Protein backbone atom coordinates (compact mmCIF):
# COMPACT_ATOMS: atom_id res chain seq x y z
CA MET A 1 126.04 127.00 81.75
CA SER A 2 124.57 124.05 79.89
CA PRO A 3 124.18 120.72 81.74
CA VAL A 4 127.08 119.30 79.73
CA GLU A 5 129.38 122.21 80.59
CA LEU A 6 128.45 122.06 84.28
CA MET A 7 128.78 118.29 84.67
CA ALA A 8 131.67 117.54 82.29
CA LEU A 9 134.46 117.96 84.83
CA PRO A 10 132.63 116.18 87.69
CA PHE A 11 131.96 113.27 85.32
CA LEU A 12 135.61 113.17 84.26
CA GLU A 13 136.66 113.15 87.91
CA CYS A 14 134.22 110.27 88.52
CA LEU A 15 135.86 108.31 85.70
CA VAL A 16 139.29 108.88 87.24
CA LEU A 17 138.01 107.74 90.64
CA VAL A 18 136.26 104.69 89.19
CA GLY A 19 139.43 103.62 87.39
CA ILE A 20 141.56 103.19 90.52
CA HIS A 21 138.88 102.48 93.12
CA SER A 22 137.30 99.59 91.21
CA TYR A 23 140.68 97.85 91.24
CA LEU A 24 141.43 98.59 94.89
CA GLY A 25 137.90 97.57 95.83
CA ILE A 26 138.52 94.06 94.50
CA HIS A 27 141.52 93.78 96.81
CA VAL A 28 139.54 95.10 99.78
CA ILE A 29 136.73 92.58 99.28
CA LYS A 30 139.14 89.68 98.83
CA ARG A 31 140.98 90.71 102.00
CA LYS A 32 137.62 90.94 103.84
CA VAL A 33 138.41 94.39 105.18
CA ILE A 34 135.43 96.17 103.62
CA PHE A 35 135.51 99.18 105.89
CA VAL A 36 139.23 99.89 105.60
CA ASP A 37 138.42 102.47 102.93
CA LEU A 38 135.91 104.21 105.18
CA ALA A 39 138.41 104.17 108.06
CA LEU A 40 141.29 105.56 105.97
CA ALA A 41 138.96 108.16 104.46
CA GLN A 42 137.91 109.27 107.94
CA ILE A 43 141.55 109.42 109.06
CA ALA A 44 142.36 111.57 106.02
CA ALA A 45 139.42 113.80 106.91
CA LEU A 46 140.71 114.05 110.48
CA GLY A 47 144.04 115.27 109.12
CA ALA A 48 142.27 117.94 107.06
CA ILE A 49 140.25 119.02 110.11
CA VAL A 50 143.37 119.35 112.25
CA ALA A 51 144.97 121.40 109.47
CA LEU A 52 141.89 123.64 109.32
CA VAL A 53 141.84 124.28 113.07
CA ILE A 54 145.51 125.24 113.18
CA GLY A 55 144.97 127.72 110.35
CA LEU A 56 145.63 125.90 107.05
CA ALA A 57 142.98 126.60 104.42
CA PRO A 58 141.05 123.62 102.98
CA HIS A 59 142.21 122.14 99.65
CA THR A 60 145.70 123.66 99.96
CA LEU A 61 149.06 121.86 99.85
CA GLY A 62 149.45 122.17 103.62
CA SER A 63 146.04 120.66 104.25
CA TYR A 64 146.77 117.80 101.84
CA ILE A 65 150.12 117.04 103.51
CA PHE A 66 148.40 116.83 106.91
CA SER A 67 145.79 114.44 105.50
CA LEU A 68 148.47 112.33 103.86
CA LEU A 69 150.55 112.04 107.04
CA PHE A 70 147.49 111.01 109.05
CA THR A 71 146.62 108.43 106.39
CA PHE A 72 150.13 107.00 106.45
CA LEU A 73 149.75 106.61 110.20
CA GLY A 74 146.52 104.70 109.59
CA ALA A 75 148.29 102.52 107.02
CA ALA A 76 150.92 101.63 109.59
CA ILE A 77 148.23 100.70 112.14
CA PHE A 78 146.39 98.43 109.70
CA SER A 79 149.53 96.66 108.51
CA ILE A 80 150.78 96.06 112.07
CA THR A 81 147.41 94.79 113.35
CA ARG A 82 147.13 92.12 110.64
CA LEU A 83 148.23 88.98 112.47
CA ARG A 84 148.58 85.51 111.05
CA LYS A 85 146.69 83.92 113.92
CA THR A 86 144.37 85.94 116.11
CA LYS A 87 141.01 85.60 117.84
CA ILE A 88 140.10 89.20 117.00
CA PRO A 89 139.31 89.87 113.31
CA GLN A 90 141.09 92.83 111.78
CA GLU A 91 137.70 94.27 110.75
CA ALA A 92 137.05 94.94 114.44
CA ILE A 93 140.25 97.00 114.67
CA ILE A 94 139.30 98.86 111.49
CA GLY A 95 135.84 99.67 112.85
CA LEU A 96 137.31 100.92 116.11
CA VAL A 97 139.81 103.14 114.30
CA TYR A 98 136.99 104.58 112.17
CA ALA A 99 134.84 105.31 115.23
CA MET A 100 137.73 106.97 117.07
CA ALA A 101 138.72 109.06 114.05
CA ALA A 102 135.11 110.16 113.53
CA ALA A 103 134.67 111.05 117.21
CA VAL A 104 137.90 113.04 117.39
CA SER A 105 136.96 114.81 114.14
CA ILE A 106 133.67 115.96 115.65
CA LEU A 107 135.37 117.12 118.86
CA ILE A 108 137.95 119.16 116.95
CA ILE A 109 135.60 120.62 114.33
CA ASP A 110 133.34 121.81 117.13
CA ARG A 111 135.98 124.49 117.76
CA ALA A 112 135.99 125.69 114.15
CA PRO A 113 133.62 128.33 112.69
CA HIS A 114 130.77 126.74 110.72
CA GLY A 115 131.80 123.32 111.97
CA ALA A 116 128.57 121.66 110.79
CA GLU A 117 129.22 122.79 107.23
CA HIS A 118 132.78 121.47 107.34
CA ILE A 119 131.47 118.08 108.48
CA LYS A 120 128.98 118.13 105.62
CA GLU A 121 131.73 118.83 103.07
CA ILE A 122 133.95 116.09 104.49
CA LEU A 123 131.12 113.57 104.13
CA THR A 124 129.72 114.64 100.76
CA GLY A 125 132.67 116.40 99.14
CA SER A 126 132.56 119.16 96.54
CA ILE A 127 132.93 117.20 93.32
CA LEU A 128 130.68 119.61 91.44
CA TRP A 129 133.37 122.31 91.71
CA VAL A 130 136.36 120.18 90.76
CA LYS A 131 138.91 121.92 88.50
CA TRP A 132 140.91 120.69 85.50
CA GLN A 133 144.10 120.93 87.54
CA THR A 134 142.64 118.72 90.28
CA VAL A 135 141.49 116.10 87.77
CA ALA A 136 144.89 116.09 86.03
CA VAL A 137 146.84 115.75 89.30
CA ALA A 138 144.55 112.95 90.49
CA ALA A 139 144.84 111.10 87.18
CA PHE A 140 148.65 111.34 87.30
CA ILE A 141 148.98 110.13 90.90
CA TYR A 142 146.45 107.32 90.37
CA LEU A 143 148.37 106.28 87.25
CA LEU A 144 151.58 106.03 89.29
CA VAL A 145 149.78 103.94 91.92
CA GLY A 146 148.35 101.75 89.17
CA ILE A 147 151.80 101.19 87.66
CA PHE A 148 153.19 100.34 91.10
CA HIS A 149 150.44 97.76 91.65
CA PHE A 150 150.89 96.33 88.15
CA ILE A 151 154.62 95.79 88.69
CA PHE A 152 154.05 93.99 92.00
CA ARG A 153 150.62 92.55 91.13
CA ASP A 154 151.61 88.96 91.91
CA LYS A 155 152.52 89.73 95.54
CA PHE A 156 149.55 92.01 96.16
CA MET A 157 147.04 89.61 94.64
CA LEU A 158 148.50 86.56 96.42
CA ILE A 159 148.28 88.29 99.81
CA SER A 160 144.74 89.44 99.08
CA GLN A 161 143.53 86.04 97.88
CA ASN A 162 145.46 83.69 100.15
CA SER A 163 147.68 85.17 102.83
CA GLU A 164 148.66 81.70 104.12
CA ASP A 165 150.27 80.87 100.77
CA ALA A 166 152.10 84.19 100.91
CA TYR A 167 153.45 83.34 104.38
CA GLY A 168 154.41 79.87 103.12
CA LYS A 169 156.43 81.35 100.25
CA GLY A 170 158.41 83.49 102.67
CA ILE A 171 156.87 86.80 101.60
CA ASN A 172 157.10 89.55 104.22
CA VAL A 173 153.34 90.04 104.47
CA LYS A 174 153.51 92.93 106.94
CA LEU A 175 155.86 94.87 104.66
CA TRP A 176 153.72 94.35 101.59
CA ASP A 177 150.59 95.11 103.59
CA PHE A 178 152.18 98.39 104.61
CA LEU A 179 153.05 99.20 100.98
CA PHE A 180 149.49 98.32 99.94
CA TYR A 181 147.94 100.56 102.57
CA ILE A 182 150.41 103.37 101.85
CA SER A 183 149.45 103.37 98.16
CA PHE A 184 145.82 102.96 99.15
CA GLY A 185 146.08 105.87 101.57
CA LEU A 186 147.66 108.06 98.88
CA VAL A 187 144.62 107.44 96.67
CA ILE A 188 142.13 107.90 99.51
CA THR A 189 143.62 111.20 100.69
CA LEU A 190 143.34 112.71 97.24
CA SER A 191 139.87 111.26 96.65
CA VAL A 192 138.36 112.44 99.95
CA ASN A 193 139.62 115.95 99.25
CA THR A 194 137.32 116.09 96.23
CA ALA A 195 134.57 113.50 96.56
CA GLY A 196 134.09 113.18 100.33
CA VAL A 197 134.06 110.12 102.58
CA LEU A 198 130.73 108.64 101.46
CA LEU A 199 131.28 108.88 97.72
CA VAL A 200 134.79 107.45 97.96
CA PHE A 201 133.41 104.46 99.87
CA VAL A 202 130.79 103.61 97.24
CA PHE A 203 133.29 104.09 94.41
CA LEU A 204 135.46 101.49 96.09
CA VAL A 205 132.85 98.93 97.13
CA VAL A 206 129.87 98.93 94.76
CA PRO A 207 131.59 98.36 91.37
CA ALA A 208 133.81 95.70 92.96
CA ILE A 209 130.87 93.85 94.54
CA ILE A 210 128.95 93.82 91.25
CA ALA A 211 132.02 92.61 89.35
CA ILE A 212 132.80 89.80 91.81
CA MET A 213 129.16 88.64 91.63
CA PHE A 214 129.53 87.71 87.97
CA THR A 215 133.12 86.48 87.52
CA ASP A 216 136.30 85.37 89.28
CA ASN A 217 138.56 86.56 86.47
CA LEU A 218 140.39 89.76 87.46
CA PHE A 219 140.43 91.18 83.93
CA TYR A 220 136.67 90.78 83.50
CA GLN A 221 136.10 92.04 87.04
CA LEU A 222 137.91 95.25 86.14
CA LEU A 223 135.92 95.66 82.92
CA ILE A 224 132.61 95.16 84.75
CA GLY A 225 133.67 97.49 87.58
CA TRP A 226 134.79 100.24 85.22
CA GLY A 227 131.70 99.92 83.05
CA THR A 228 129.33 99.92 86.02
CA GLY A 229 131.07 102.86 87.68
CA THR A 230 130.99 104.92 84.49
CA LEU A 231 127.29 104.28 83.82
CA VAL A 232 126.14 104.81 87.42
CA SER A 233 128.22 107.99 87.82
CA LEU A 234 126.58 109.40 84.69
CA MET A 235 123.13 108.48 86.02
CA GLY A 236 123.86 110.05 89.42
CA LEU A 237 125.19 113.31 87.97
CA THR A 238 122.23 113.55 85.58
CA ALA A 239 119.73 112.97 88.40
CA SER A 240 121.51 115.55 90.55
CA TYR A 241 121.19 118.19 87.85
CA ALA A 242 117.64 117.28 86.81
CA TYR A 243 116.17 117.23 90.33
CA ASP A 244 118.45 119.87 91.91
CA PHE A 245 119.92 117.57 94.58
CA PRO A 246 123.44 117.78 96.10
CA THR A 247 125.75 116.00 93.67
CA GLY A 248 127.74 113.74 96.02
CA PRO A 249 124.79 112.33 98.01
CA MET A 250 122.77 111.77 94.83
CA VAL A 251 125.58 109.76 93.22
CA VAL A 252 125.91 107.71 96.44
CA ALA A 253 122.15 107.03 96.43
CA VAL A 254 122.17 105.94 92.78
CA TYR A 255 125.10 103.60 93.47
CA GLY A 256 123.19 102.05 96.37
CA LEU A 257 120.02 101.64 94.31
CA THR A 258 122.00 100.11 91.46
CA LEU A 259 123.58 97.56 93.77
CA VAL A 260 120.16 96.53 95.09
CA VAL A 261 118.72 96.17 91.57
CA VAL A 262 121.71 94.18 90.30
CA ALA A 263 121.73 91.94 93.39
CA LEU A 264 118.03 91.13 92.94
CA GLY A 265 118.54 90.48 89.25
CA PHE A 266 121.53 88.25 90.02
CA TYR A 267 119.44 86.31 92.55
CA ILE A 268 116.74 85.67 89.93
CA LEU A 269 119.27 84.82 87.22
CA LYS A 270 121.11 82.25 89.33
CA SER A 271 118.01 80.63 90.85
CA VAL A 272 116.99 77.16 89.71
CA ASN A 273 113.35 78.26 89.62
CA ARG A 274 113.47 81.78 88.18
CA LYS A 275 109.72 82.31 88.27
CA LYS A 276 109.62 81.52 91.97
CA ALA A 277 112.63 83.78 92.60
CA ALA A 278 110.98 86.63 90.68
CA ALA A 279 107.78 86.15 92.71
CA ILE A 280 109.79 86.33 95.95
CA VAL A 281 111.48 89.54 94.79
CA LEU A 282 108.16 91.14 93.84
CA ALA A 283 106.63 90.10 97.16
CA GLY A 284 109.60 91.60 99.00
CA MET A 285 109.26 94.89 97.08
CA ALA A 286 105.55 95.00 97.88
CA ALA A 287 106.30 94.36 101.55
CA VAL A 288 108.81 97.22 101.62
CA ILE A 289 106.26 99.59 100.04
CA ILE A 290 103.56 98.54 102.50
CA ILE A 291 105.88 98.92 105.49
CA GLY A 292 106.88 102.38 104.23
CA ILE A 293 103.24 103.43 103.96
CA LEU A 294 102.50 102.09 107.44
CA PHE A 295 105.40 104.03 108.95
CA PHE A 296 104.23 107.18 107.19
CA GLU A 297 100.69 106.78 108.49
CA LEU A 298 101.98 105.96 111.97
CA GLY A 299 104.00 109.15 111.94
CA ASN A 300 100.96 111.21 110.94
CA PHE A 301 98.95 109.57 113.70
CA LEU A 302 101.58 110.14 116.41
CA LYS A 303 102.06 113.76 115.36
CA LYS A 304 98.63 114.53 116.77
CA PHE A 305 99.89 113.65 120.24
CA SER A 306 103.54 114.69 119.98
CA MET A 307 103.55 118.16 118.47
CA VAL A 308 106.40 120.25 119.94
CA ASP A 309 107.41 123.76 119.06
CA THR A 310 111.00 122.89 118.16
CA HIS A 311 112.12 126.47 117.67
CA GLU A 312 110.75 127.61 121.03
CA HIS A 313 112.31 124.56 122.69
CA ILE A 314 115.75 125.25 121.23
CA THR A 315 115.59 128.94 122.02
CA GLU A 316 114.50 128.25 125.58
CA HIS A 317 117.37 125.87 126.20
CA LYS A 318 119.84 128.41 124.88
CA GLY A 319 118.60 130.79 127.56
CA ASN A 320 117.54 133.37 125.05
CA LEU A 321 113.77 133.83 125.31
CA ILE A 322 113.15 136.15 122.39
CA ALA A 323 109.54 136.63 123.34
CA GLU A 324 110.69 138.47 126.46
CA ASP A 325 112.83 140.92 124.49
CA SER A 326 110.78 144.11 124.31
CA ASP A 327 113.06 145.71 121.71
CA TYR A 328 111.67 143.51 118.95
CA THR A 329 108.32 142.52 117.59
CA SER A 330 107.55 139.30 115.76
CA GLU A 331 107.18 141.24 112.46
CA THR A 332 110.60 142.88 112.39
CA PRO A 333 113.53 141.46 110.39
CA GLU A 334 115.75 142.02 113.44
CA HIS A 335 113.61 139.77 115.59
CA PHE A 336 113.34 137.20 112.82
CA LEU A 337 117.12 137.04 112.37
CA LYS A 338 117.67 136.89 116.11
CA GLU A 339 115.40 133.87 116.27
CA LEU A 340 117.14 132.21 113.31
CA ASP A 341 120.55 132.68 114.92
CA ASN A 342 119.48 130.40 117.77
CA LEU A 343 118.76 127.49 115.42
CA ASP A 344 121.01 125.00 113.67
CA ILE A 345 120.93 124.91 109.87
CA PHE A 346 118.33 122.13 109.72
CA ALA A 347 115.99 123.88 112.14
CA LYS A 348 116.45 127.10 110.15
CA ASP A 349 115.33 125.40 106.95
CA LYS A 350 112.32 123.92 108.74
CA LYS A 351 111.29 127.28 110.20
CA LEU A 352 111.76 129.11 106.90
CA LYS A 353 109.45 126.67 105.12
CA GLU A 354 106.68 128.01 107.35
CA VAL A 355 107.37 131.66 106.42
CA ASP A 356 105.08 133.12 103.73
CA ASP A 357 106.13 136.77 104.05
CA LYS A 358 108.37 137.49 101.06
CA GLN A 359 109.13 141.08 102.14
CA LEU A 360 110.23 139.91 105.59
CA LEU A 361 112.67 137.50 103.96
CA ILE A 362 114.03 140.18 101.60
CA LYS A 363 114.55 142.72 104.41
CA SER A 364 116.14 140.05 106.62
CA ALA A 365 118.55 139.10 103.83
CA GLN A 366 119.51 142.75 103.37
CA ILE A 367 120.64 143.19 106.98
CA SER A 368 121.93 139.67 107.75
CA ILE A 369 125.68 139.16 108.10
CA ASP A 370 125.54 135.47 109.04
CA ASP A 371 126.33 133.21 106.05
CA GLU A 372 124.34 130.29 107.40
CA SER A 373 121.16 132.29 107.95
CA LEU A 374 121.65 134.15 104.69
CA PHE A 375 121.94 130.93 102.68
CA SER A 376 118.83 129.45 104.30
CA ILE A 377 116.86 132.66 103.59
CA GLY A 378 118.09 132.59 100.00
CA LYS A 379 116.80 129.06 99.47
CA ARG A 380 113.37 130.01 100.82
CA LEU A 381 113.23 133.20 98.73
CA TYR A 382 114.18 131.18 95.66
CA ASP A 383 110.91 129.27 96.13
CA PHE A 384 108.94 132.54 96.09
CA ASP A 385 110.83 134.35 93.38
CA LYS A 386 113.83 132.98 91.52
CA LYS A 387 115.50 136.35 91.03
CA SER A 388 115.10 137.43 94.67
CA GLY A 389 116.73 134.20 95.82
CA LEU A 390 119.58 134.65 93.34
CA GLU A 391 120.19 138.15 94.69
CA VAL A 392 120.79 136.63 98.13
CA PHE A 393 123.20 134.05 96.71
CA TYR A 394 124.95 136.89 94.86
CA LYS A 395 125.39 138.64 98.21
CA ILE A 396 127.01 135.50 99.61
CA ILE A 397 129.59 135.13 96.81
CA SER A 398 130.36 138.85 96.88
CA THR A 399 130.74 139.28 100.66
CA SER A 400 131.43 135.91 102.28
CA GLU A 401 134.85 134.51 103.18
CA THR A 402 133.45 131.01 103.80
CA PRO A 403 134.17 128.69 100.80
CA LEU A 404 131.49 126.17 101.76
CA PHE A 405 128.59 128.62 101.50
CA LYS A 406 130.07 130.22 98.38
CA LYS A 407 130.21 126.79 96.71
CA ASP A 408 126.59 126.04 97.57
CA ALA A 409 125.52 129.49 96.34
CA MET A 410 127.45 128.96 93.08
CA ASP A 411 125.71 125.64 92.61
CA ILE A 412 122.26 127.25 92.61
CA ILE A 413 123.38 130.24 90.52
CA SER A 414 124.86 127.88 87.91
CA LYS A 415 121.70 125.79 87.72
CA ALA A 416 119.74 129.02 87.19
CA GLY A 417 121.70 129.50 83.96
CA CYS A 418 124.57 131.82 84.93
CA ASP A 419 128.21 131.05 84.17
CA THR A 420 130.17 130.78 87.43
CA SER A 421 133.19 128.97 85.98
CA LYS A 422 135.45 132.03 86.38
CA TYR A 423 134.61 132.40 90.08
CA ASP A 424 136.89 130.64 92.57
CA PRO A 425 135.14 129.96 95.92
CA MET A 426 138.49 129.12 97.52
CA ASP A 427 139.81 132.62 96.76
CA SER A 428 138.78 135.85 98.49
CA PHE A 429 135.64 137.51 97.13
CA ASP A 430 137.65 140.72 96.53
CA SER A 431 140.45 139.13 94.51
CA ASP A 432 140.94 140.57 91.01
CA ARG A 433 139.68 137.40 89.34
CA ASN A 434 136.59 137.10 91.52
CA ILE A 435 135.69 140.78 91.18
CA ILE A 436 135.44 140.31 87.40
CA ALA A 437 133.53 137.03 87.76
CA ILE A 438 131.11 138.55 90.29
CA GLY A 439 130.37 141.41 87.88
CA GLU A 440 129.49 138.97 85.11
CA ILE A 441 127.30 136.91 87.46
CA LYS A 442 125.49 140.09 88.58
CA SER A 443 124.77 141.02 84.96
CA CYS A 444 123.36 137.56 84.34
CA ILE A 445 121.11 137.68 87.42
CA ASP A 446 119.81 141.13 86.40
CA LYS A 447 118.65 139.68 83.08
CA ILE A 448 116.66 136.86 84.70
């Protein structure tokens, strides 16, 4: 697939997200409840996790309904806890709800297979694999929410800008707060399902912050937010493809960098003495670079005194001292896989970076039945030999029942130049559609 073909749908989904989130972000900032989006997103994720544990597949109608019901519950909590006079700011309640939802999510997902990968998807999403149907449904629902907010814009904006005036005019603030959070939750539930918690948060906050910096006029704020979101999304997706980084986290990083650059530029632009302001900014950037170098050098220095064999330490604490197992030698694939199985995915990647034996990796991939180990081996093999790595990823999409690893494998296969658009990672690998798609992918890999 060409870069345009691969990134067209993710970019279109970003535009749909920017359209509604830039508007809602302005409300959130005016209400001074910045983290309400993060909290609702985490509550929606908790609903999806509960659905997963009880047996509902991710990204299905049942999973979405669970997320939506959980989000509605969060909306009720946030509307009830907004009091006219209180010593405790509502942001404290929001932060507590987020922390509790995140903690419960971790406790529940610990009981699910490949829990770490599910947490990763909840945080970073799977926007690269969004489908036309998903984009169309999101656009339709967001349009309905937009129409609802347009019809009642006076009440929503008055409550967001000046709740005391709203109380004074006899408006039922709690009711309209509940309606706001319900509509907000509807958007968040759908967004998290595709983009993940982190990306949804930056879509909401960053364009709105940049817009509010430059104008108080809502119309111009929307134009600036939409324009900024469109440009930054395009930059993030392009960087993700060009440098082979995960799409969601890269877009988040580009949004963060953009906000920093715009904020510094705004500071210089609005300063009475622009030359002095520019000098301060340059000095600050130099200080950050110097501090970064110092930390790097400190780390290299301390490594000399703090070297620990992480893999041995983890294995030892799991009570599985491989070195004492006489059935294996350090050169056999069986021993190698047994050692990998005792490590989490990050430790696996670290250990594999130290492996220079290509044949050991190939033989280990041939006998491995663990998706997590297989994917890590595939990434390392890809560094040695592109085709050998692709063969491992082909094994994943043709044998695995875990959508998360199949999506990641598809990502790398696509960037290698093979068309994976006909393959559905949410469907079984032996479905009629996927059997045909897998055959075409195999033919493509054979030609590389």
